[in-house]
PDB file of all heavy atoms in Angstrom:
ATOM      1  N   HIS A   1       7.026   2.061  10.653  1.00  0.00           N
ATOM      2  CA  HIS A   1       6.072   1.349  11.621  1.00  0.00           C
ATOM      3  C   HIS A   1       4.871   0.742  10.832  1.00  0.00           C
ATOM      4  O   HIS A   1       4.199   1.507  10.132  1.00  0.00           O
ATOM      5  CB  HIS A   1       5.579   2.263  12.760  1.00  0.00           C
ATOM      6  CG  HIS A   1       5.116   1.572  13.962  1.00  0.00           C
ATOM      7  ND1 HIS A   1       3.913   0.830  13.985  1.00  0.00           N
ATOM      8  CD2 HIS A   1       5.596   1.598  15.201  1.00  0.00           C
ATOM      9  CE1 HIS A   1       3.729   0.363  15.183  1.00  0.00           C
ATOM     10  NE2 HIS A   1       4.720   0.796  15.992  1.00  0.00           N
ATOM     11  N   ARG A   2       4.659  -0.551  10.994  1.00  0.00           N
ATOM     12  CA  ARG A   2       3.636  -1.165  10.249  1.00  0.00           C
ATOM     13  C   ARG A   2       2.222  -0.621  10.551  1.00  0.00           C
ATOM     14  O   ARG A   2       1.300  -0.539   9.751  1.00  0.00           O
ATOM     15  CB  ARG A   2       3.682  -2.661  10.386  1.00  0.00           C
ATOM     16  CG  ARG A   2       4.855  -3.339   9.736  1.00  0.00           C
ATOM     17  CD  ARG A   2       4.740  -3.402   8.221  1.00  0.00           C
ATOM     18  NE  ARG A   2       3.840  -4.359   7.777  1.00  0.00           N
ATOM     19  CZ  ARG A   2       4.110  -5.534   7.281  1.00  0.00           C
ATOM     20  NH1 ARG A   2       5.439  -5.861   7.121  1.00  0.00           N
ATOM     21  NH2 ARG A   2       3.265  -6.312   6.873  1.00  0.00           N
ATOM     22  N   ASP A   3       2.003  -0.245  11.800  1.00  0.00           N
ATOM     23  CA  ASP A   3       0.691   0.249  12.200  1.00  0.00           C
ATOM     24  C   ASP A   3       0.430   1.654  11.698  1.00  0.00           C
ATOM     25  O   ASP A   3      -0.733   2.058  11.559  1.00  0.00           O
ATOM     26  CB  ASP A   3       0.557   0.261  13.786  1.00  0.00           C
ATOM     27  CG  ASP A   3       0.048  -1.111  14.191  1.00  0.00           C
ATOM     28  OD1 ASP A   3      -0.329  -1.947  13.450  1.00  0.00           O
ATOM     29  OD2 ASP A   3       0.128  -1.341  15.486  1.00  0.00           O
ATOM     30  N   ILE A   4       1.524   2.431  11.383  1.00  0.00           N
ATOM     31  CA  ILE A   4       1.301   3.686  10.680  1.00  0.00           C
ATOM     32  C   ILE A   4       0.770   3.414   9.310  1.00  0.00           C
ATOM     33  O   ILE A   4      -0.240   4.070   8.830  1.00  0.00           O
ATOM     34  CB  ILE A   4       2.522   4.530  10.693  1.00  0.00           C
ATOM     35  CG1 ILE A   4       2.945   4.940  12.084  1.00  0.00           C
ATOM     36  CG2 ILE A   4       2.333   5.788   9.785  1.00  0.00           C
ATOM     37  CD1 ILE A   4       4.257   5.718  12.199  1.00  0.00           C
ATOM     38  N   LEU A   5       1.378   2.503   8.614  1.00  0.00           N
ATOM     39  CA  LEU A   5       0.981   2.147   7.226  1.00  0.00           C
ATOM     40  C   LEU A   5      -0.470   1.596   7.285  1.00  0.00           C
ATOM     41  O   LEU A   5      -1.296   1.989   6.490  1.00  0.00           O
ATOM     42  CB  LEU A   5       1.936   1.127   6.623  1.00  0.00           C
ATOM     43  CG  LEU A   5       3.381   1.557   6.422  1.00  0.00           C
ATOM     44  CD1 LEU A   5       4.205   0.380   5.986  1.00  0.00           C
ATOM     45  CD2 LEU A   5       3.409   2.681   5.412  1.00  0.00           C
ATOM     46  N   GLY A   6      -0.667   0.618   8.144  1.00  0.00           N
ATOM     47  CA  GLY A   6      -2.009  -0.028   8.226  1.00  0.00           C
ATOM     48  C   GLY A   6      -3.084   1.014   8.614  1.00  0.00           C
ATOM     49  O   GLY A   6      -4.190   1.030   8.076  1.00  0.00           O
ATOM     50  N   GLY A   7      -2.778   1.858   9.604  1.00  0.00           N
ATOM     51  CA  GLY A   7      -3.740   2.810  10.026  1.00  0.00           C
ATOM     52  C   GLY A   7      -4.074   3.886   8.996  1.00  0.00           C
ATOM     53  O   GLY A   7      -5.211   4.231   8.847  1.00  0.00           O
ATOM     54  N   LEU A   8      -3.061   4.299   8.259  1.00  0.00           N
ATOM     55  CA  LEU A   8      -3.381   5.255   7.157  1.00  0.00           C
ATOM     56  C   LEU A   8      -4.286   4.622   6.085  1.00  0.00           C
ATOM     57  O   LEU A   8      -5.158   5.168   5.537  1.00  0.00           O
ATOM     58  CB  LEU A   8      -2.141   5.734   6.505  1.00  0.00           C
ATOM     59  CG  LEU A   8      -1.167   6.605   7.360  1.00  0.00           C
ATOM     60  CD1 LEU A   8       0.119   6.933   6.640  1.00  0.00           C
ATOM     61  CD2 LEU A   8      -1.921   7.950   7.734  1.00  0.00           C
ATOM     62  N   LEU A   9      -3.918   3.343   5.762  1.00  0.00           N
ATOM     63  CA  LEU A   9      -4.799   2.643   4.708  1.00  0.00           C
ATOM     64  C   LEU A   9      -6.222   2.519   5.117  1.00  0.00           C
ATOM     65  O   LEU A   9      -7.153   2.735   4.393  1.00  0.00           O
ATOM     66  CB  LEU A   9      -4.206   1.257   4.437  1.00  0.00           C
ATOM     67  CG  LEU A   9      -2.856   1.250   3.648  1.00  0.00           C
ATOM     68  CD1 LEU A   9      -2.213  -0.131   3.726  1.00  0.00           C
ATOM     69  CD2 LEU A   9      -3.153   1.587   2.155  1.00  0.00           C
ATOM     70  N   ASN A  10      -6.407   2.199   6.456  1.00  0.00           N
ATOM     71  CA  ASN A  10      -7.766   2.012   7.013  1.00  0.00           C
ATOM     72  C   ASN A  10      -8.522   3.315   7.121  1.00  0.00           C
ATOM     73  O   ASN A  10      -9.714   3.352   7.183  1.00  0.00           O
ATOM     74  CB  ASN A  10      -7.726   1.398   8.340  1.00  0.00           C
ATOM     75  CG  ASN A  10      -7.270  -0.120   8.231  1.00  0.00           C
ATOM     76  OD1 ASN A  10      -7.335  -0.731   7.175  1.00  0.00           O
ATOM     77  ND2 ASN A  10      -6.931  -0.727   9.333  1.00  0.00           N
ATOM     78  N   ALA A  11      -7.736   4.434   7.094  1.00  0.00           N
ATOM     79  CA  ALA A  11      -8.394   5.741   7.142  1.00  0.00           C
ATOM     80  C   ALA A  11      -9.096   6.178   5.878  1.00  0.00           C
ATOM     81  O   ALA A  11      -9.923   7.078   5.874  1.00  0.00           O
ATOM     82  CB  ALA A  11      -7.330   6.843   7.522  1.00  0.00           C
ATOM     83  N   PHE A  12      -8.773   5.525   4.797  1.00  0.00           N
ATOM     84  CA  PHE A  12      -9.409   5.850   3.508  1.00  0.00           C
ATOM     85  C   PHE A  12     -10.790   5.070   3.438  1.00  0.00           C
ATOM     86  O   PHE A  12     -10.975   3.962   3.941  1.00  0.00           O
ATOM     87  CB  PHE A  12      -8.563   5.426   2.323  1.00  0.00           C
ATOM     88  CG  PHE A  12      -7.362   6.255   2.124  1.00  0.00           C
ATOM     89  CD1 PHE A  12      -6.143   5.860   2.644  1.00  0.00           C
ATOM     90  CD2 PHE A  12      -7.481   7.478   1.437  1.00  0.00           C
ATOM     91  CE1 PHE A  12      -5.004   6.674   2.447  1.00  0.00           C
ATOM     92  CE2 PHE A  12      -6.407   8.241   1.212  1.00  0.00           C
ATOM     93  CZ  PHE A  12      -5.156   7.867   1.737  1.00  0.00           C
ATOM     94  N   ASP A  13     -11.695   5.701   2.717  1.00  0.00           N
ATOM     95  CA  ASP A  13     -13.057   5.103   2.597  1.00  0.00           C
ATOM     96  C   ASP A  13     -12.986   4.122   1.491  1.00  0.00           C
ATOM     97  O   ASP A  13     -13.409   4.369   0.308  1.00  0.00           O
ATOM     98  CB  ASP A  13     -14.064   6.248   2.262  1.00  0.00           C
ATOM     99  CG  ASP A  13     -15.511   5.675   2.151  1.00  0.00           C
ATOM    100  OD1 ASP A  13     -15.727   4.545   2.615  1.00  0.00           O
ATOM    101  OD2 ASP A  13     -16.371   6.323   1.577  1.00  0.00           O
ATOM    102  N   ALA A  14     -12.451   2.956   1.773  1.00  0.00           N
ATOM    103  CA  ALA A  14     -12.201   1.942   0.756  1.00  0.00           C
ATOM    104  C   ALA A  14     -11.963   0.605   1.440  1.00  0.00           C
ATOM    105  O   ALA A  14     -11.712   0.491   2.638  1.00  0.00           O
ATOM    106  CB  ALA A  14     -10.979   2.232  -0.089  1.00  0.00           C
ATOM    107  N   ASP A  15     -12.385  -0.445   0.677  1.00  0.00           N
ATOM    108  CA  ASP A  15     -12.215  -1.878   1.227  1.00  0.00           C
ATOM    109  C   ASP A  15     -10.821  -2.306   0.712  1.00  0.00           C
ATOM    110  O   ASP A  15     -10.591  -2.791  -0.288  1.00  0.00           O
ATOM    111  CB  ASP A  15     -13.247  -2.763   0.583  1.00  0.00           C
ATOM    112  CG  ASP A  15     -13.193  -4.219   1.115  1.00  0.00           C
ATOM    113  OD1 ASP A  15     -12.504  -4.398   2.163  1.00  0.00           O
ATOM    114  OD2 ASP A  15     -13.776  -5.064   0.515  1.00  0.00           O
ATOM    115  N   VAL A  16      -9.791  -2.054   1.671  1.00  0.00           N
ATOM    116  CA  VAL A  16      -8.492  -2.287   1.344  1.00  0.00           C
ATOM    117  C   VAL A  16      -7.946  -3.541   1.938  1.00  0.00           C
ATOM    118  O   VAL A  16      -8.165  -3.862   3.091  1.00  0.00           O
ATOM    119  CB  VAL A  16      -7.587  -1.096   1.886  1.00  0.00           C
ATOM    120  CG1 VAL A  16      -6.074  -1.291   1.464  1.00  0.00           C
ATOM    121  CG2 VAL A  16      -8.079   0.233   1.308  1.00  0.00           C
ATOM    122  N   ASP A  17      -7.201  -4.370   1.138  1.00  0.00           N
ATOM    123  CA  ASP A  17      -6.450  -5.467   1.607  1.00  0.00           C
ATOM    124  C   ASP A  17      -5.125  -4.914   2.139  1.00  0.00           C
ATOM    125  O   ASP A  17      -4.220  -4.693   1.435  1.00  0.00           O
ATOM    126  CB  ASP A  17      -6.205  -6.470   0.467  1.00  0.00           C
ATOM    127  CG  ASP A  17      -5.471  -7.730   0.909  1.00  0.00           C
ATOM    128  OD1 ASP A  17      -4.817  -7.669   1.947  1.00  0.00           O
ATOM    129  OD2 ASP A  17      -5.545  -8.777   0.245  1.00  0.00           O
ATOM    130  N   THR A  18      -5.090  -4.771   3.447  1.00  0.00           N
ATOM    131  CA  THR A  18      -3.892  -4.011   4.095  1.00  0.00           C
ATOM    132  C   THR A  18      -2.579  -4.657   3.787  1.00  0.00           C
ATOM    133  O   THR A  18      -1.644  -4.008   3.415  1.00  0.00           O
ATOM    134  CB  THR A  18      -4.198  -3.856   5.605  1.00  0.00           C
ATOM    135  OG1 THR A  18      -5.380  -3.203   5.841  1.00  0.00           O
ATOM    136  CG2 THR A  18      -3.019  -3.043   6.203  1.00  0.00           C
ATOM    137  N   GLU A  19      -2.590  -6.019   4.023  1.00  0.00           N
ATOM    138  CA  GLU A  19      -1.290  -6.727   3.827  1.00  0.00           C
ATOM    139  C   GLU A  19      -0.832  -6.710   2.401  1.00  0.00           C
ATOM    140  O   GLU A  19       0.376  -6.462   2.087  1.00  0.00           O
ATOM    141  CB  GLU A  19      -1.363  -8.124   4.312  1.00  0.00           C
ATOM    142  CG  GLU A  19      -1.644  -8.271   5.833  1.00  0.00           C
ATOM    143  CD  GLU A  19      -0.494  -7.710   6.611  1.00  0.00           C
ATOM    144  OE1 GLU A  19       0.606  -7.638   6.164  1.00  0.00           O
ATOM    145  OE2 GLU A  19      -0.742  -7.330   7.817  1.00  0.00           O
ATOM    146  N   ALA A  20      -1.722  -6.763   1.448  1.00  0.00           N
ATOM    147  CA  ALA A  20      -1.500  -6.642   0.043  1.00  0.00           C
ATOM    148  C   ALA A  20      -0.862  -5.327  -0.349  1.00  0.00           C
ATOM    149  O   ALA A  20       0.113  -5.141  -1.059  1.00  0.00           O
ATOM    150  CB  ALA A  20      -2.579  -7.020  -0.853  1.00  0.00           C
ATOM    151  N   ALA A  21      -1.485  -4.270   0.283  1.00  0.00           N
ATOM    152  CA  ALA A  21      -1.077  -2.889  -0.001  1.00  0.00           C
ATOM    153  C   ALA A  21       0.323  -2.678   0.561  1.00  0.00           C
ATOM    154  O   ALA A  21       1.184  -1.996   0.012  1.00  0.00           O
ATOM    155  CB  ALA A  21      -2.048  -1.858   0.612  1.00  0.00           C
ATOM    156  N   ILE A  22       0.580  -3.204   1.760  1.00  0.00           N
ATOM    157  CA  ILE A  22       1.942  -3.056   2.414  1.00  0.00           C
ATOM    158  C   ILE A  22       2.976  -3.749   1.589  1.00  0.00           C
ATOM    159  O   ILE A  22       4.123  -3.249   1.437  1.00  0.00           O
ATOM    160  CB  ILE A  22       1.893  -3.586   3.829  1.00  0.00           C
ATOM    161  CG1 ILE A  22       1.090  -2.584   4.723  1.00  0.00           C
ATOM    162  CG2 ILE A  22       3.277  -3.686   4.415  1.00  0.00           C
ATOM    163  CD1 ILE A  22       0.873  -3.047   6.175  1.00  0.00           C
ATOM    164  N   ARG A  23       2.626  -4.952   1.053  1.00  0.00           N
ATOM    165  CA  ARG A  23       3.590  -5.588   0.143  1.00  0.00           C
ATOM    166  C   ARG A  23       3.884  -4.795  -1.033  1.00  0.00           C
ATOM    167  O   ARG A  23       5.063  -4.798  -1.602  1.00  0.00           O
ATOM    168  CB  ARG A  23       3.073  -6.986  -0.250  1.00  0.00           C
ATOM    169  CG  ARG A  23       3.151  -8.000   0.910  1.00  0.00           C
ATOM    170  CD  ARG A  23       2.922  -9.410   0.391  1.00  0.00           C
ATOM    171  NE  ARG A  23       1.557  -9.606  -0.087  1.00  0.00           N
ATOM    172  CZ  ARG A  23       0.555 -10.068   0.679  1.00  0.00           C
ATOM    173  NH1 ARG A  23       0.763 -10.255   1.948  1.00  0.00           N
ATOM    174  NH2 ARG A  23      -0.697 -10.241   0.154  1.00  0.00           N
ATOM    175  N   VAL A  24       2.926  -4.062  -1.634  1.00  0.00           N
ATOM    176  CA  VAL A  24       3.199  -3.080  -2.740  1.00  0.00           C
ATOM    177  C   VAL A  24       4.064  -1.998  -2.281  1.00  0.00           C
ATOM    178  O   VAL A  24       5.067  -1.642  -3.034  1.00  0.00           O
ATOM    179  CB  VAL A  24       1.857  -2.591  -3.278  1.00  0.00           C
ATOM    180  CG1 VAL A  24       2.051  -1.558  -4.339  1.00  0.00           C
ATOM    181  CG2 VAL A  24       1.001  -3.679  -3.830  1.00  0.00           C
ATOM    182  N   VAL A  25       3.810  -1.443  -1.119  1.00  0.00           N
ATOM    183  CA  VAL A  25       4.738  -0.397  -0.645  1.00  0.00           C
ATOM    184  C   VAL A  25       6.136  -0.895  -0.546  1.00  0.00           C
ATOM    185  O   VAL A  25       7.152  -0.167  -0.794  1.00  0.00           O
ATOM    186  CB  VAL A  25       4.227   0.162   0.715  1.00  0.00           C
ATOM    187  CG1 VAL A  25       5.218   1.143   1.334  1.00  0.00           C
ATOM    188  CG2 VAL A  25       2.821   0.811   0.603  1.00  0.00           C
ATOM    189  N   ASP A  26       6.301  -2.098  -0.055  1.00  0.00           N
ATOM    190  CA  ASP A  26       7.715  -2.706   0.098  1.00  0.00           C
ATOM    191  C   ASP A  26       8.398  -2.700  -1.282  1.00  0.00           C
ATOM    192  O   ASP A  26       9.656  -2.681  -1.251  1.00  0.00           O
ATOM    193  CB  ASP A  26       7.531  -4.074   0.664  1.00  0.00           C
ATOM    194  CG  ASP A  26       8.914  -4.704   0.963  1.00  0.00           C
ATOM    195  OD1 ASP A  26       9.678  -4.079   1.763  1.00  0.00           O
ATOM    196  OD2 ASP A  26       9.152  -5.785   0.507  1.00  0.00           O
ATOM    197  N   LYS A  27       7.687  -2.774  -2.352  1.00  0.00           N
ATOM    198  CA  LYS A  27       8.318  -2.823  -3.643  1.00  0.00           C
ATOM    199  C   LYS A  27       8.468  -1.443  -4.355  1.00  0.00           C
ATOM    200  O   LYS A  27       8.905  -1.381  -5.455  1.00  0.00           O
ATOM    201  CB  LYS A  27       7.445  -3.720  -4.595  1.00  0.00           C
ATOM    202  CG  LYS A  27       7.308  -5.168  -4.156  1.00  0.00           C
ATOM    203  CD  LYS A  27       6.402  -5.940  -5.061  1.00  0.00           C
ATOM    204  CE  LYS A  27       6.121  -7.352  -4.600  1.00  0.00           C
ATOM    205  NZ  LYS A  27       5.096  -8.004  -5.437  1.00  0.00           N
ATOM    206  N   ARG A  28       8.124  -0.431  -3.609  1.00  0.00           N
ATOM    207  CA  ARG A  28       7.998   0.909  -4.172  1.00  0.00           C
ATOM    208  C   ARG A  28       9.205   1.370  -4.925  1.00  0.00           C
ATOM    209  O   ARG A  28       9.200   1.993  -6.011  1.00  0.00           O
ATOM    210  CB  ARG A  28       7.653   1.907  -3.191  1.00  0.00           C
ATOM    211  CG  ARG A  28       7.429   3.344  -3.574  1.00  0.00           C
ATOM    212  CD  ARG A  28       7.076   4.189  -2.353  1.00  0.00           C
ATOM    213  NE  ARG A  28       6.751   5.592  -2.752  1.00  0.00           N
ATOM    214  CZ  ARG A  28       7.662   6.553  -2.813  1.00  0.00           C
ATOM    215  NH1 ARG A  28       8.971   6.299  -2.537  1.00  0.00           N
ATOM    216  NH2 ARG A  28       7.289   7.827  -3.080  1.00  0.00           N
ATOM    217  N   GLU A  29      10.384   1.117  -4.327  1.00  0.00           N
ATOM    218  CA  GLU A  29      11.662   1.613  -4.973  1.00  0.00           C
ATOM    219  C   GLU A  29      12.106   0.672  -6.078  1.00  0.00           C
ATOM    220  O   GLU A  29      13.062   1.064  -6.799  1.00  0.00           O
ATOM    221  CB  GLU A  29      12.738   1.691  -3.860  1.00  0.00           C
ATOM    222  CG  GLU A  29      12.388   2.643  -2.746  1.00  0.00           C
ATOM    223  CD  GLU A  29      12.200   3.981  -3.142  1.00  0.00           C
ATOM    224  OE1 GLU A  29      12.931   4.482  -4.106  1.00  0.00           O
ATOM    225  OE2 GLU A  29      11.332   4.719  -2.575  1.00  0.00           O
ATOM    226  N   LYS A  30      11.493  -0.444  -6.315  1.00  0.00           N
ATOM    227  CA  LYS A  30      11.997  -1.434  -7.181  1.00  0.00           C
ATOM    228  C   LYS A  30      11.191  -1.439  -8.463  1.00  0.00           C
ATOM    229  O   LYS A  30      11.515  -2.113  -9.481  1.00  0.00           O
ATOM    230  CB  LYS A  30      11.990  -2.796  -6.605  1.00  0.00           C
ATOM    231  CG  LYS A  30      12.744  -2.941  -5.223  1.00  0.00           C
ATOM    232  CD  LYS A  30      12.500  -4.184  -4.642  1.00  0.00           C
ATOM    233  CE  LYS A  30      13.015  -4.225  -3.199  1.00  0.00           C
ATOM    234  NZ  LYS A  30      12.672  -5.506  -2.479  1.00  0.00           N
ATOM    235  N   ILE A  31       9.997  -0.799  -8.502  1.00  0.00           N
ATOM    236  CA  ILE A  31       9.017  -0.883  -9.700  1.00  0.00           C
ATOM    237  C   ILE A  31       8.701   0.504 -10.144  1.00  0.00           C
ATOM    238  O   ILE A  31       8.930   1.549  -9.546  1.00  0.00           O
ATOM    239  CB  ILE A  31       7.775  -1.634  -9.278  1.00  0.00           C
ATOM    240  CG1 ILE A  31       7.039  -0.936  -8.201  1.00  0.00           C
ATOM    241  CG2 ILE A  31       8.072  -3.155  -8.894  1.00  0.00           C
ATOM    242  CD1 ILE A  31       5.726  -1.675  -7.766  1.00  0.00           C
ATOM    243  N   GLU A  32       8.211   0.546 -11.420  1.00  0.00           N
ATOM    244  CA  GLU A  32       7.780   1.819 -11.954  1.00  0.00           C
ATOM    245  C   GLU A  32       6.580   2.363 -11.223  1.00  0.00           C
ATOM    246  O   GLU A  32       5.846   1.595 -10.649  1.00  0.00           O
ATOM    247  CB  GLU A  32       7.436   1.647 -13.455  1.00  0.00           C
ATOM    248  CG  GLU A  32       8.596   1.134 -14.330  1.00  0.00           C
ATOM    249  CD  GLU A  32       9.714   2.263 -14.423  1.00  0.00           C
ATOM    250  OE1 GLU A  32       9.297   3.457 -14.430  1.00  0.00           O
ATOM    251  OE2 GLU A  32      10.863   1.900 -14.620  1.00  0.00           O
ATOM    252  N   ARG A  33       6.439   3.708 -11.254  1.00  0.00           N
ATOM    253  CA  ARG A  33       5.366   4.284 -10.543  1.00  0.00           C
ATOM    254  C   ARG A  33       3.963   3.837 -10.950  1.00  0.00           C
ATOM    255  O   ARG A  33       3.121   3.647 -10.101  1.00  0.00           O
ATOM    256  CB  ARG A  33       5.443   5.840 -10.580  1.00  0.00           C
ATOM    257  CG  ARG A  33       4.380   6.568  -9.728  1.00  0.00           C
ATOM    258  CD  ARG A  33       4.652   8.063  -9.481  1.00  0.00           C
ATOM    259  NE  ARG A  33       3.643   8.615  -8.656  1.00  0.00           N
ATOM    260  CZ  ARG A  33       3.613   8.527  -7.373  1.00  0.00           C
ATOM    261  NH1 ARG A  33       4.540   7.850  -6.678  1.00  0.00           N
ATOM    262  NH2 ARG A  33       2.671   9.161  -6.601  1.00  0.00           N
ATOM    263  N   ALA A  34       3.845   3.658 -12.270  1.00  0.00           N
ATOM    264  CA  ALA A  34       2.511   3.222 -12.716  1.00  0.00           C
ATOM    265  C   ALA A  34       2.166   1.855 -12.188  1.00  0.00           C
ATOM    266  O   ALA A  34       1.043   1.545 -11.760  1.00  0.00           O
ATOM    267  CB  ALA A  34       2.529   3.194 -14.264  1.00  0.00           C
ATOM    268  N   GLU A  35       3.193   0.926 -12.118  1.00  0.00           N
ATOM    269  CA  GLU A  35       2.961  -0.383 -11.605  1.00  0.00           C
ATOM    270  C   GLU A  35       2.615  -0.294 -10.068  1.00  0.00           C
ATOM    271  O   GLU A  35       1.902  -1.008  -9.545  1.00  0.00           O
ATOM    272  CB  GLU A  35       4.184  -1.283 -11.886  1.00  0.00           C
ATOM    273  CG  GLU A  35       4.015  -2.705 -11.390  1.00  0.00           C
ATOM    274  CD  GLU A  35       5.303  -3.573 -11.621  1.00  0.00           C
ATOM    275  OE1 GLU A  35       6.262  -2.986 -12.264  1.00  0.00           O
ATOM    276  OE2 GLU A  35       5.289  -4.655 -11.123  1.00  0.00           O
ATOM    277  N   TYR A  36       3.412   0.605  -9.440  1.00  0.00           N
ATOM    278  CA  TYR A  36       3.160   0.831  -8.004  1.00  0.00           C
ATOM    279  C   TYR A  36       1.752   1.262  -7.695  1.00  0.00           C
ATOM    280  O   TYR A  36       1.017   0.742  -6.804  1.00  0.00           O
ATOM    281  CB  TYR A  36       4.156   1.831  -7.513  1.00  0.00           C
ATOM    282  CG  TYR A  36       3.971   2.361  -6.136  1.00  0.00           C
ATOM    283  CD1 TYR A  36       4.063   1.593  -4.961  1.00  0.00           C
ATOM    284  CD2 TYR A  36       3.633   3.737  -5.923  1.00  0.00           C
ATOM    285  CE1 TYR A  36       3.851   2.029  -3.727  1.00  0.00           C
ATOM    286  CE2 TYR A  36       3.465   4.219  -4.616  1.00  0.00           C
ATOM    287  CZ  TYR A  36       3.516   3.397  -3.560  1.00  0.00           C
ATOM    288  OH  TYR A  36       3.331   3.893  -2.227  1.00  0.00           O
ATOM    289  N   LEU A  37       1.251   2.248  -8.450  1.00  0.00           N
ATOM    290  CA  LEU A  37      -0.090   2.723  -8.246  1.00  0.00           C
ATOM    291  C   LEU A  37      -1.142   1.697  -8.696  1.00  0.00           C
ATOM    292  O   LEU A  37      -2.183   1.560  -7.932  1.00  0.00           O
ATOM    293  CB  LEU A  37      -0.343   4.032  -9.020  1.00  0.00           C
ATOM    294  CG  LEU A  37       0.467   5.274  -8.601  1.00  0.00           C
ATOM    295  CD1 LEU A  37       0.216   6.394  -9.538  1.00  0.00           C
ATOM    296  CD2 LEU A  37       0.172   5.654  -7.153  1.00  0.00           C
ATOM    297  N   ASP A  38      -0.837   0.917  -9.704  1.00  0.00           N
ATOM    298  CA  ASP A  38      -1.814  -0.221 -10.033  1.00  0.00           C
ATOM    299  C   ASP A  38      -1.812  -1.231  -8.911  1.00  0.00           C
ATOM    300  O   ASP A  38      -2.936  -1.745  -8.635  1.00  0.00           O
ATOM    301  CB  ASP A  38      -1.199  -0.861 -11.370  1.00  0.00           C
ATOM    302  CG  ASP A  38      -1.382  -0.053 -12.597  1.00  0.00           C
ATOM    303  OD1 ASP A  38      -2.313   0.907 -12.549  1.00  0.00           O
ATOM    304  OD2 ASP A  38      -0.792  -0.430 -13.625  1.00  0.00           O
ATOM    305  N   GLY A  39      -0.737  -1.461  -8.304  1.00  0.00           N
ATOM    306  CA  GLY A  39      -0.722  -2.442  -7.185  1.00  0.00           C
ATOM    307  C   GLY A  39      -1.596  -1.982  -6.044  1.00  0.00           C
ATOM    308  O   GLY A  39      -2.314  -2.762  -5.398  1.00  0.00           O
ATOM    309  N   LEU A  40      -1.501  -0.678  -5.711  1.00  0.00           N
ATOM    310  CA  LEU A  40      -2.335  -0.083  -4.565  1.00  0.00           C
ATOM    311  C   LEU A  40      -3.812  -0.165  -5.000  1.00  0.00           C
ATOM    312  O   LEU A  40      -4.661  -0.381  -4.153  1.00  0.00           O
ATOM    313  CB  LEU A  40      -1.839   1.349  -4.262  1.00  0.00           C
ATOM    314  CG  LEU A  40      -0.480   1.433  -3.596  1.00  0.00           C
ATOM    315  CD1 LEU A  40      -0.120   2.976  -3.465  1.00  0.00           C
ATOM    316  CD2 LEU A  40      -0.439   0.722  -2.241  1.00  0.00           C
TER     317      LEU A  40
END
């Protein structure tokens, strides 16, 4: 559910680009973990 992802991101004390972060999550299985964390 996209609102679970967006809501969790907004729960952190950070200025998060939600859509950009979700696009990174969408690539999670296709990229190395370091690249994944860098994207977030």
